[in-house]
Amino acid sequence: MLRTAPARLVQAQLVLAALVLVAGCTASSQAGPVTESGPAEAGPRLGQCRNLSARDVDASSNASPVVACTAKHTAETFVAGTFPAAVSAEGRTDPALGGFVYDRCQPRFRAFVGADDSLLLRSTLSWAWFRPSAAAWKAGQHTYRCDVTAGGAAKGTLATLPTSAEGLLLGKPDDRWLTCVDGPRVSGAAKIPCSSPHTWRAVTTIVLGAKDDPYPGDRLSEVRTRDYCSDSVGAWLNYPVDYDYGYTWFHAAEWKTGNRRSVCWARTTQ
């Protein structure tokens, strides 16, 4: 949806992939296709690296072989653990497993890559979690692992990670790990690393409410986001006379999963 304003406002519509909650939790509670490798699956360990595809990340289980972190890889395990009996009692498809994992992996993810919620939402980094296959679960393996990944330059691809993703967003992050889009507007455009040619960059975010606040409604969320982003992007661009800005705001479903932020975008090739 395109609207105009003194700063030639370009409104970015809802971009669900920006935060499937959760700036990083792409498979938190969804049971995707299962990789069946049998009861002999090896348990996950911290620091293991793997070459995962975007399709792998959408699965509920994964038994991809471990590779050396000095070799090409797209995922690194930053949390590994075992579900308590009280949590695993209802089986491997119980939605409660996702909530348990999120509470443990999301805070650790922030600390591991070295970012606050605003930077996470504007980065290409995310995380996915995996449980054992049905056969391994039945055999008594009730473990989980959380892997950090990064979006690639092409839609639906993952980027190659450095030897370790720990601290990747500390200081001034490399443009490979920051989110941009290339197109006439933000709406509908695929997210890419800012190291690729681009026309829009995610530059700031706005908090629309506290954890326990009710959803303020679509209209109020949009207006608050628009007004804030107009000023925020202008400041980021050093107050030019004329500039384009966009914003991504989220609806009640995303609010329910915990998202309290909207994203501001500056039209720039920098």
Foldseek 3Di string as FASTA:
>chain_A
DQDQDQQGEGAAEADCVLDVPPLAEQALQDAADFDDDAQVQDFDDAFWFAADFLVQLNHQADRGDTDQLQDWGFKGWHDKDFDDCVQCVVHDNPSSNSVVVCVVVVVSVCQFLVHDRWQSSFWQKYKYKHFHGRRNVVVPGRMMTIIIGGDAQDPRGTDTDHSGSGNQPPDPHDQQTGWAFADPHPYPTGIHRLVDFHFKGFDGKDFQDDQPDADPADVVQVVVFVVVLVVVLCVVVVNDSHFYKYKHTDGRVVVVVPDRMIIIMGGDRD
